[in-house]
């Protein structure tokens, strides 16, 4: 074989191999980018939520000792990017001591315009009264207050409290309900602002949905005060998807119009476990645990069609196109790895090198995922792979 022919074949081989090498290189660069966080939040985060404009609201534990009481009052921060964090809720200003009062943020929800927040909180109140030196009861002077306890006195126990909903704007200003006798909305387990930006809906302890307009204080229990087993808010569309008694009294999946108080039965559900419904970002699908191991997904345009995938228990969210679920398996309060579950064939694929995380949320626009580290709750925000 001549040298010229050999050289020609070598050149041809290089040209054939080059595109594959470039593709592999681009894949490697893409993979590296997905494994590198866009930024991290170096705080001990307890709960967080991502707004439609990708701002992250997060709560951080704040403990304070008062007399023989240790009270917990969470701080609240907003982050709009790397090194762009600001505290909008200072516990010492929001809830001064005395009297001793604890609040823990359980969930945070954003308004559709990313300008308001609703915080579902667990509160505790404590029995307390100032001690008086040298005065009879009813003749208290500020100079006579002694906030100390004797060493042999028992520690103070909580004496009440409960679930409430607190409303804020993004500057940390509290939004109160007009004419309300209480500072917060009592008895609320979860709630959200609707897209008209003036209406709040919440789920109370009896499973009923209540609508309130803080500006005028008007409040109404919706849907003939029916109770629902589970509710997923779709605030951008002023609706909720719920599980509850249908037209014939059987357990059904329903679409609830929250402003006009309309009800549409989507499908009867023969099995439903837990209290959690998950709606996709575009509002096209809803998912829930059919039993302890199986997730059932229904298209909201054709609820009669279902997809089922056996995953084991856990917490999940939809990706942008509702083709996959991101799942953290195991108990909600335990850390575990995150896996993609492809709905078309039930295939599993791990993300972020099988590392263990305490919690996660996918951004509403599907472009990123925020993960909370196990142990100290540092948040890391990663671009979402496609």
Protein backbone atom coordinates (compact mmCIF):
# COMPACT_ATOMS: atom_id res chain seq x y z
CA UNK A 1 0.00 0.00 0.00
CA UNK A 2 1.41 3.40 -0.97
CA UNK A 3 2.26 6.02 1.65
CA UNK A 4 -0.20 8.50 0.06
CA UNK A 5 -3.11 6.05 0.41
CA UNK A 6 -2.19 5.32 4.06
CA UNK A 7 -2.05 9.04 4.84
CA UNK A 8 -5.41 9.59 3.15
CA UNK A 9 -7.04 6.88 5.25
CA UNK A 10 -5.56 8.32 8.44
CA UNK A 11 -6.93 11.75 7.60
CA UNK A 12 -10.35 10.24 6.83
CA UNK A 13 -10.33 8.35 10.12
CA UNK A 14 -9.50 11.54 12.03
CA UNK A 15 -12.41 13.34 10.39
CA UNK A 16 -14.74 10.47 11.27
CA UNK A 17 -13.59 10.34 14.89
CA UNK A 18 -13.49 14.10 15.44
CA UNK A 19 -17.29 14.70 15.66
CA UNK A 20 -17.65 11.89 18.19
CA UNK A 21 -14.80 13.35 20.27
CA UNK A 22 -16.37 16.80 20.14
CA UNK A 23 -19.74 15.34 21.18
CA UNK A 24 -18.14 13.52 24.10
CA UNK A 25 -16.30 16.68 25.12
CA UNK A 26 -19.49 18.74 25.00
CA UNK A 27 -21.30 16.07 27.02
CA UNK A 28 -18.53 16.11 29.62
CA UNK A 29 -18.62 19.91 29.84
CA UNK A 30 -22.43 19.79 30.15
CA UNK A 31 -22.24 17.12 32.84
CA UNK A 32 -19.67 19.10 34.81
CA UNK A 33 -21.84 22.21 34.63
CA UNK A 34 -24.82 20.26 35.99
CA UNK A 35 -22.74 18.93 38.87
CA UNK A 36 -21.50 22.40 39.82
CA UNK A 37 -23.95 24.58 41.75
CA UNK A 38 -24.80 27.99 40.37
CA UNK A 39 -24.49 29.21 43.94
CA UNK A 40 -24.93 28.07 47.53
CA UNK A 41 -26.54 29.56 50.63
CA UNK A 42 -24.35 28.91 53.65
CA UNK A 43 -27.04 28.93 56.34
CA UNK A 44 -28.68 26.22 58.43
CA UNK A 45 -31.92 26.26 56.43
CA UNK A 46 -34.99 24.56 57.90
CA UNK A 47 -37.54 25.18 55.12
CA UNK A 48 -37.44 26.99 51.76
CA UNK A 49 -39.51 27.80 48.70
CA UNK A 50 -38.72 29.03 45.17
CA UNK A 51 -40.77 31.87 43.66
CA UNK A 52 -41.90 32.05 40.02
CA UNK A 53 -39.12 34.64 39.44
CA UNK A 54 -36.58 32.20 41.05
CA UNK A 55 -36.15 34.17 44.28
CA UNK A 56 -35.67 31.77 47.18
CA UNK A 57 -37.30 32.36 50.57
CA UNK A 58 -35.82 30.37 53.42
CA UNK A 59 -36.15 30.12 57.20
CA UNK A 60 -33.31 29.69 59.70
CA UNK A 61 -33.57 28.59 63.33
CA UNK A 62 -33.18 31.36 65.89
CA UNK A 63 -33.12 30.35 69.57
CA UNK A 64 -33.42 32.75 72.48
CA UNK A 65 -33.29 32.10 76.21
CA UNK A 66 -35.75 34.00 78.36
CA UNK A 67 -35.83 33.22 82.08
CA UNK A 68 -36.07 29.42 82.20
CA UNK A 69 -37.58 29.19 78.72
CA UNK A 70 -35.80 28.53 75.42
CA UNK A 71 -37.98 29.99 72.67
CA UNK A 72 -37.60 29.40 68.95
CA UNK A 73 -38.48 32.15 66.49
CA UNK A 74 -37.33 31.64 62.91
CA UNK A 75 -35.58 34.24 60.82
CA UNK A 76 -36.71 34.66 57.21
CA UNK A 77 -34.38 35.48 54.31
CA UNK A 78 -34.68 36.06 50.58
CA UNK A 79 -31.99 35.18 48.06
CA UNK A 80 -31.99 36.33 44.43
CA UNK A 81 -28.61 34.86 43.50
CA UNK A 82 -25.04 34.43 44.62
CA UNK A 83 -24.26 36.66 47.63
CA UNK A 84 -27.65 38.36 47.20
CA UNK A 85 -29.31 37.44 50.48
CA UNK A 86 -31.29 39.73 52.74
CA UNK A 87 -33.10 39.12 56.00
CA UNK A 88 -36.69 40.31 55.87
CA UNK A 89 -37.86 38.94 59.22
CA UNK A 90 -35.95 39.76 62.41
CA UNK A 91 -37.50 37.78 65.31
CA UNK A 92 -36.57 40.38 67.93
CA UNK A 93 -38.50 43.04 66.01
CA UNK A 94 -41.29 40.81 64.72
CA UNK A 95 -41.98 39.13 68.05
CA UNK A 96 -40.31 41.08 70.92
CA UNK A 97 -39.83 39.44 74.31
CA UNK A 98 -41.54 39.58 76.78
CA UNK A 99 -43.98 37.90 76.60
CA UNK A 100 -42.31 34.61 75.62
CA UNK A 101 -43.73 33.28 72.34
CA UNK A 102 -42.35 30.71 69.87
CA UNK A 103 -43.08 30.28 66.18
CA UNK A 104 -41.66 27.76 63.72
CA UNK A 105 -42.14 28.15 59.96
CA UNK A 106 -43.51 24.89 58.51
CA UNK A 107 -44.12 25.91 54.89
CA UNK A 108 -43.61 28.95 52.68
CA UNK A 109 -45.71 29.70 49.61
CA UNK A 110 -45.26 32.51 47.08
CA UNK A 111 -47.87 34.61 45.31
CA UNK A 112 -47.91 34.15 41.51
CA UNK A 113 -46.32 37.59 41.03
CA UNK A 114 -43.45 36.76 43.45
CA UNK A 115 -44.29 39.78 45.62
CA UNK A 116 -46.04 38.24 48.63
CA UNK A 117 -45.55 35.26 50.92
CA UNK A 118 -47.76 33.09 53.11
CA UNK A 119 -46.06 31.36 56.04
CA UNK A 120 -47.74 28.41 57.72
CA UNK A 121 -46.35 28.45 61.26
CA UNK A 122 -46.63 26.44 64.43
CA UNK A 123 -46.85 28.71 67.46
CA UNK A 124 -46.49 28.21 71.22
CA UNK A 125 -47.37 30.56 74.03
CA UNK A 126 -46.00 30.35 77.57
CA UNK A 127 -47.49 31.42 80.93
CA UNK A 128 -45.54 34.39 82.16
CA UNK A 129 -45.97 37.44 84.34
CA UNK A 130 -43.37 39.90 85.64
CA UNK A 131 -42.28 39.58 89.25
CA UNK A 132 -42.82 42.55 91.52
CA UNK A 133 -40.63 43.68 94.41
CA UNK A 134 -42.07 45.69 97.27
CA UNK A 135 -45.44 46.35 95.66
CA UNK A 136 -48.87 44.96 96.17
CA UNK A 137 -50.66 43.42 93.23
CA UNK A 138 -52.01 46.10 90.97
CA UNK A 139 -49.31 48.69 91.77
CA UNK A 140 -46.68 47.65 89.23
CA UNK A 141 -43.96 50.12 88.26
CA UNK A 142 -41.46 49.47 85.46
CA UNK A 143 -38.56 49.81 87.89
CA UNK A 144 -39.95 47.01 90.02
CA UNK A 145 -40.01 44.34 87.30
CA UNK A 146 -37.73 41.39 88.04
CA UNK A 147 -37.71 38.85 85.21
CA UNK A 148 -35.65 36.25 87.09
CA UNK A 149 -36.80 32.98 88.56
CA UNK A 150 -35.57 31.32 91.72
CA UNK A 151 -33.14 28.47 91.01
CA UNK A 152 -35.45 25.90 92.56
CA UNK A 153 -38.42 26.86 90.41
CA UNK A 154 -39.35 24.42 87.63
CA UNK A 155 -38.84 25.25 83.96
CA UNK A 156 -41.85 26.85 82.31
CA UNK A 157 -43.93 24.67 79.99
CA UNK A 158 -45.87 25.85 76.97
CA UNK A 159 -49.54 26.58 77.52
CA UNK A 160 -51.11 26.69 74.10
CA UNK A 161 -50.58 27.90 70.58
CA UNK A 162 -51.35 26.19 67.30
CA UNK A 163 -51.19 26.45 63.54
CA UNK A 164 -51.48 29.90 61.99
CA UNK A 165 -50.91 31.61 58.64
CA UNK A 166 -48.85 34.81 58.53
CA UNK A 167 -48.79 37.09 55.46
CA UNK A 168 -45.88 39.27 54.30
CA UNK A 169 -44.58 41.25 51.37
CA UNK A 170 -41.01 40.83 50.14
CA UNK A 171 -39.80 43.74 52.29
CA UNK A 172 -40.87 41.84 55.39
CA UNK A 173 -43.91 44.01 56.09
CA UNK A 174 -46.65 42.03 57.78
CA UNK A 175 -50.00 42.04 55.97
CA UNK A 176 -52.80 41.77 58.51
CA UNK A 177 -56.43 40.86 57.97
CA UNK A 178 -58.65 43.89 58.46
CA UNK A 179 -60.90 43.79 61.53
CA UNK A 180 -59.36 40.52 62.70
CA UNK A 181 -59.25 39.89 66.45
CA UNK A 182 -56.02 37.92 66.07
CA UNK A 183 -52.66 38.90 64.65
CA UNK A 184 -52.42 35.83 62.38
CA UNK A 185 -54.98 33.66 60.59
CA UNK A 186 -55.65 30.92 63.17
CA UNK A 187 -56.12 27.23 62.43
CA UNK A 188 -54.49 27.30 58.97
CA UNK A 189 -52.43 24.26 57.96
CA UNK A 190 -51.40 25.65 54.55
CA UNK A 191 -52.37 28.59 52.37
CA UNK A 192 -51.50 30.74 49.38
CA UNK A 193 -52.16 34.03 47.63
CA UNK A 194 -54.16 33.79 44.39
CA UNK A 195 -53.27 35.50 41.13
CA UNK A 196 -55.55 38.49 41.74
CA UNK A 197 -52.94 39.39 44.42
CA UNK A 198 -55.60 40.32 46.99
CA UNK A 199 -57.16 36.97 47.91
CA UNK A 200 -55.78 34.31 50.23
CA UNK A 201 -57.06 30.74 50.54
CA UNK A 202 -56.11 28.26 53.21
CA UNK A 203 -56.86 24.77 54.46
CA UNK A 204 -58.03 24.58 58.06
CA UNK A 205 -57.72 21.75 60.56
CA UNK A 206 -61.08 20.32 59.51
CA UNK A 207 -59.99 19.90 55.90
CA UNK A 208 -62.12 22.85 54.73
CA UNK A 209 -60.98 25.57 52.33
CA UNK A 210 -61.43 29.14 53.53
CA UNK A 211 -61.10 32.27 51.38
CA UNK A 212 -60.20 35.64 52.88
CA UNK A 213 -59.39 39.09 51.52
CA UNK A 214 -57.03 40.78 54.01
CA UNK A 215 -57.86 44.27 52.71
CA UNK A 216 -61.48 44.17 53.91
CA UNK A 217 -61.39 41.13 56.21
CA UNK A 218 -64.14 39.23 54.39
CA UNK A 219 -63.89 35.49 55.02
CA UNK A 220 -65.88 32.58 53.57
CA UNK A 221 -65.68 28.82 54.02
CA UNK A 222 -66.01 27.49 50.46
CA UNK A 223 -67.77 24.52 48.86
CA UNK A 224 -70.56 24.16 51.41
CA UNK A 225 -67.96 23.58 54.12
CA UNK A 226 -67.02 20.20 52.64
CA UNK A 227 -63.85 18.57 53.94
CA UNK A 228 -61.07 17.36 51.64
CA UNK A 229 -58.48 14.64 52.25
CA UNK A 230 -55.79 16.46 50.25
CA UNK A 231 -55.43 19.76 48.42
CA UNK A 232 -52.83 20.97 45.89
CA UNK A 233 -52.85 24.74 45.29
CA UNK A 234 -52.58 25.98 41.69
CA UNK A 235 -52.54 29.67 42.59
CA UNK A 236 -51.53 30.95 39.14
CA UNK A 237 -54.81 29.57 37.78
CA UNK A 238 -56.91 30.42 40.86
CA UNK A 239 -57.75 26.80 41.44
CA UNK A 240 -56.94 23.76 43.53
CA UNK A 241 -56.93 20.06 42.79
CA UNK A 242 -58.39 18.10 45.68
CA UNK A 243 -59.38 14.64 46.82
CA UNK A 244 -62.72 14.44 48.59
CA UNK A 245 -66.32 13.19 48.36
CA UNK A 246 -67.66 13.54 44.81
CA UNK A 247 -71.17 13.91 43.46
CA UNK A 248 -72.20 10.43 44.59
CA UNK A 249 -70.25 10.64 47.82
CA UNK A 250 -67.40 8.45 46.54
CA UNK A 251 -63.76 9.50 46.83
CA UNK A 252 -62.94 11.59 43.78
CA UNK A 253 -60.34 13.86 42.24
CA UNK A 254 -61.82 17.34 41.79
CA UNK A 255 -60.91 20.67 40.27
CA UNK A 256 -61.96 23.58 42.50
CA UNK A 257 -62.32 27.15 41.24
CA UNK A 258 -61.27 29.26 44.20
CA UNK A 259 -62.58 32.67 43.09
CA UNK A 260 -65.88 31.62 41.51
CA UNK A 261 -66.35 28.58 43.79
CA UNK A 262 -66.83 26.07 40.97
CA UNK A 263 -66.46 22.29 41.29
CA UNK A 264 -65.67 19.77 38.56
CA UNK A 265 -65.30 16.08 39.30
CA UNK A 266 -62.33 14.79 37.30
CA UNK A 267 -62.20 11.10 38.19
CA UNK A 268 -63.13 8.64 40.88
CA UNK A 269 -60.19 7.32 42.88
CA UNK A 270 -60.39 3.80 44.21
CA UNK A 271 -57.16 4.06 46.22
CA UNK A 272 -55.41 7.04 47.79
CA UNK A 273 -52.89 7.01 50.61
CA UNK A 274 -51.58 9.94 52.62
CA UNK A 275 -52.56 13.59 52.43
CA UNK A 276 -50.34 14.79 49.59
CA UNK A 277 -51.23 15.79 46.04
CA UNK A 278 -48.56 17.17 43.71
CA UNK A 279 -49.46 19.28 40.67
CA UNK A 280 -47.06 19.83 37.77
CA UNK A 281 -45.62 23.35 37.18
CA UNK A 282 -47.70 23.86 34.04
CA UNK A 283 -50.84 22.57 35.73
CA UNK A 284 -51.20 19.70 33.26
CA UNK A 285 -50.84 16.70 35.59
CA UNK A 286 -51.33 15.65 39.18
CA UNK A 287 -49.69 12.85 41.12
CA UNK A 288 -50.28 11.08 44.43
CA UNK A 289 -49.47 7.85 46.22
CA UNK A 290 -52.02 5.23 45.33
CA UNK A 291 -50.62 3.01 48.08
CA UNK A 292 -47.43 2.99 50.14
CA UNK A 293 -45.27 2.07 47.14
CA UNK A 294 -47.01 3.22 43.95
CA UNK A 295 -47.31 6.73 42.52
CA UNK A 296 -50.28 7.34 40.24
CA UNK A 297 -50.18 10.25 37.77
CA UNK A 298 -53.21 11.60 35.91
CA UNK A 299 -53.33 14.04 33.03
CA UNK A 300 -55.71 16.87 33.91
CA UNK A 301 -56.81 17.14 30.27
CA UNK A 302 -57.82 13.47 30.28
CA UNK A 303 -58.03 12.27 33.92
CA UNK A 304 -59.24 8.82 32.88
CA UNK A 305 -55.72 7.99 31.66
CA UNK A 306 -53.30 7.03 34.41
CA UNK A 307 -49.62 6.19 34.66
CA UNK A 308 -48.36 4.17 37.60
CA UNK A 309 -44.82 3.61 38.77
CA UNK A 310 -43.64 1.58 41.75
CA UNK A 311 -41.13 3.69 43.67
CA UNK A 312 -41.52 2.98 47.37
CA UNK A 313 -42.53 5.78 49.76
CA UNK A 314 -41.02 9.25 49.49
CA UNK A 315 -41.57 12.84 48.36
CA UNK A 316 -41.67 13.84 44.69
CA UNK A 317 -42.06 16.79 42.32
CA UNK A 318 -42.65 17.03 38.56
CA UNK A 319 -40.13 18.34 36.06
CA UNK A 320 -41.09 21.12 33.67
CA UNK A 321 -42.73 18.84 31.07
CA UNK A 322 -44.35 16.42 33.55
CA UNK A 323 -42.46 13.55 31.91
CA UNK A 324 -40.37 12.74 34.98
CA UNK A 325 -40.60 12.86 38.74
CA UNK A 326 -37.74 13.83 41.03
CA UNK A 327 -38.03 11.58 44.08
CA UNK A 328 -36.43 11.48 47.51
CA UNK A 329 -37.24 8.04 48.84
CA UNK A 330 -38.00 7.20 52.43
CA UNK A 331 -39.57 9.13 55.33
CA UNK A 332 -40.05 12.87 54.78
CA UNK A 333 -37.89 13.81 57.77
CA UNK A 334 -35.00 11.55 56.77
CA UNK A 335 -32.24 12.34 54.28
CA UNK A 336 -31.75 10.23 51.15
CA UNK A 337 -30.49 10.38 47.58
CA UNK A 338 -32.49 11.90 44.72
CA UNK A 339 -33.54 9.98 41.63
CA UNK A 340 -35.35 10.79 38.41
CA UNK A 341 -38.29 8.53 37.66
CA UNK A 342 -39.26 8.50 33.99
CA UNK A 343 -43.00 8.05 33.73
CA UNK A 344 -43.06 6.50 30.26
CA UNK A 345 -41.15 3.38 31.30
CA UNK A 346 -40.53 3.69 35.06
CA UNK A 347 -36.75 3.90 34.64
CA UNK A 348 -34.74 5.31 37.56
CA UNK A 349 -31.62 7.44 37.23
CA UNK A 350 -29.74 9.09 40.13
CA UNK A 351 -28.62 12.72 40.11
CA UNK A 352 -25.79 14.57 41.85
CA UNK A 353 -23.59 11.48 42.26
CA UNK A 354 -26.01 9.67 44.59
CA UNK A 355 -25.27 12.13 47.39
CA UNK A 356 -27.72 12.30 50.27
CA UNK A 357 -29.95 15.36 50.80
CA UNK A 358 -32.54 16.33 53.38
CA UNK A 359 -34.92 18.11 51.00
CA UNK A 360 -35.24 19.62 47.51
CA UNK A 361 -37.44 21.83 45.35
CA UNK A 362 -37.59 22.28 41.58
CA UNK A 363 -38.00 25.90 40.44
CA UNK A 364 -41.46 26.65 38.99
CA UNK A 365 -39.92 27.35 35.56
CA UNK A 366 -38.05 24.03 35.69
CA UNK A 367 -34.63 25.54 35.03
CA UNK A 368 -33.02 24.71 38.38
CA UNK A 369 -33.26 22.51 41.44
CA UNK A 370 -32.33 23.54 45.00
CA UNK A 371 -31.15 20.87 47.41
CA UNK A 372 -30.75 21.06 51.18
CA UNK A 373 -27.70 19.24 52.52
CA UNK A 374 -28.03 16.57 55.18
CA UNK A 375 -26.86 17.68 58.61
CA UNK A 376 -26.36 21.42 58.41
CA UNK A 377 -28.97 22.65 55.96
CA UNK A 378 -26.80 24.43 53.38
CA UNK A 379 -28.73 25.11 50.16
CA UNK A 380 -27.15 24.51 46.76
CA UNK A 381 -28.82 25.55 43.53
CA UNK A 382 -28.02 23.52 40.40
CA UNK A 383 -29.01 24.08 36.76
CA UNK A 384 -31.51 21.47 35.68
CA UNK A 385 -30.37 18.94 33.10
CA UNK A 386 -32.64 18.31 30.17
